[in-house]
Amino acid sequence: MSAVELLDKVKILPARERQRFLMAILAMEEGTPRRSRGRVKTVKWPDVEARAKRILGERVLPNLVLLEREESVS
């Protein structure tokens, strides 16, 4: 039975029965235990800038994309 068919059948019910049906659904929702995520791990991201400085020192590499654009425009 699809959700649309179920809604059509619920609409046909008298107001009191519809209320009981909705309360039963809410009770089921409250009764389900929530999954605990347990221990949340924090991610330690590498320091890319410090690594580049360690490898390259104070040198600055040219931006090859900008150089290519300048050459294509000229």
Protein backbone atom coordinates (compact mmCIF):
# COMPACT_ATOMS: atom_id res chain seq x y z
CA MET A 1 0.00 0.00 0.00
CA SER A 2 1.45 3.34 -0.99
CA ALA A 3 1.48 6.41 1.22
CA VAL A 4 -1.11 8.11 -1.01
CA GLU A 5 -3.51 5.19 -0.64
CA LEU A 6 -2.98 5.20 3.10
CA LEU A 7 -3.71 8.93 3.31
CA ASP A 8 -6.90 8.44 1.30
CA LYS A 9 -8.06 5.75 3.74
CA VAL A 10 -7.16 7.93 6.74
CA LYS A 11 -9.16 10.84 5.31
CA ILE A 12 -12.25 8.59 5.17
CA LEU A 13 -12.01 7.77 8.89
CA PRO A 14 -14.15 9.68 11.39
CA ALA A 15 -12.34 12.49 13.23
CA ARG A 16 -11.99 10.49 16.45
CA GLU A 17 -10.47 7.47 14.67
CA ARG A 18 -8.17 9.74 12.67
CA GLN A 19 -6.97 11.34 15.92
CA ARG A 20 -6.29 7.91 17.47
CA PHE A 21 -4.39 6.86 14.33
CA LEU A 22 -2.19 9.96 14.43
CA MET A 23 -1.54 9.56 18.16
CA ALA A 24 -0.48 5.94 17.55
CA ILE A 25 1.97 7.09 14.86
CA LEU A 26 3.41 9.74 17.17
CA ALA A 27 3.75 7.20 19.97
CA MET A 28 5.67 4.88 17.65
CA GLU A 29 7.97 7.75 16.69
CA GLU A 30 8.66 8.66 20.33
CA GLY A 31 9.21 5.03 21.28
CA THR A 32 12.02 4.47 18.80
CA PRO A 33 15.38 4.80 20.50
CA ARG A 34 17.71 7.27 18.92
CA ARG A 35 21.00 5.92 17.74
CA SER A 36 23.84 7.37 19.68
CA ARG A 37 26.76 8.42 17.62
CA GLY A 38 29.11 7.21 20.26
CA ARG A 39 32.42 8.95 20.45
CA VAL A 40 32.75 11.69 17.86
CA LYS A 41 36.16 11.75 16.25
CA THR A 42 37.74 15.08 15.46
CA VAL A 43 39.69 15.23 12.25
CA LYS A 44 43.15 16.72 12.37
CA TRP A 45 43.72 18.35 9.01
CA PRO A 46 47.29 18.77 7.79
CA ASP A 47 48.75 22.27 7.64
CA VAL A 48 49.31 22.57 3.91
CA GLU A 49 50.79 26.03 4.12
CA ALA A 50 53.40 24.98 6.71
CA ARG A 51 54.32 21.92 4.62
CA ALA A 52 54.77 24.01 1.49
CA LYS A 53 56.92 26.47 3.41
CA ARG A 54 59.03 23.59 4.72
CA ILE A 55 59.53 22.23 1.20
CA LEU A 56 59.89 25.44 -0.82
CA GLY A 57 61.21 27.85 1.78
CA GLU A 58 60.46 31.50 0.97
CA ARG A 59 60.26 30.94 -2.81
CA VAL A 60 57.03 31.95 -4.51
CA LEU A 61 55.97 29.90 -7.51
CA PRO A 62 54.38 31.71 -10.45
CA ASN A 63 50.69 31.21 -11.11
CA LEU A 64 50.86 29.22 -14.33
CA VAL A 65 47.18 29.66 -15.10
CA LEU A 66 47.45 33.45 -15.07
CA LEU A 67 50.59 33.34 -17.19
CA GLU A 68 48.83 31.13 -19.75
CA ARG A 69 45.86 33.53 -19.89
CA GLU A 70 48.15 36.51 -20.44
CA GLU A 71 49.89 34.72 -23.28
CA SER A 72 46.62 33.72 -24.96
CA VAL A 73 45.24 37.29 -24.81
CA SER A 74 48.39 38.88 -26.27
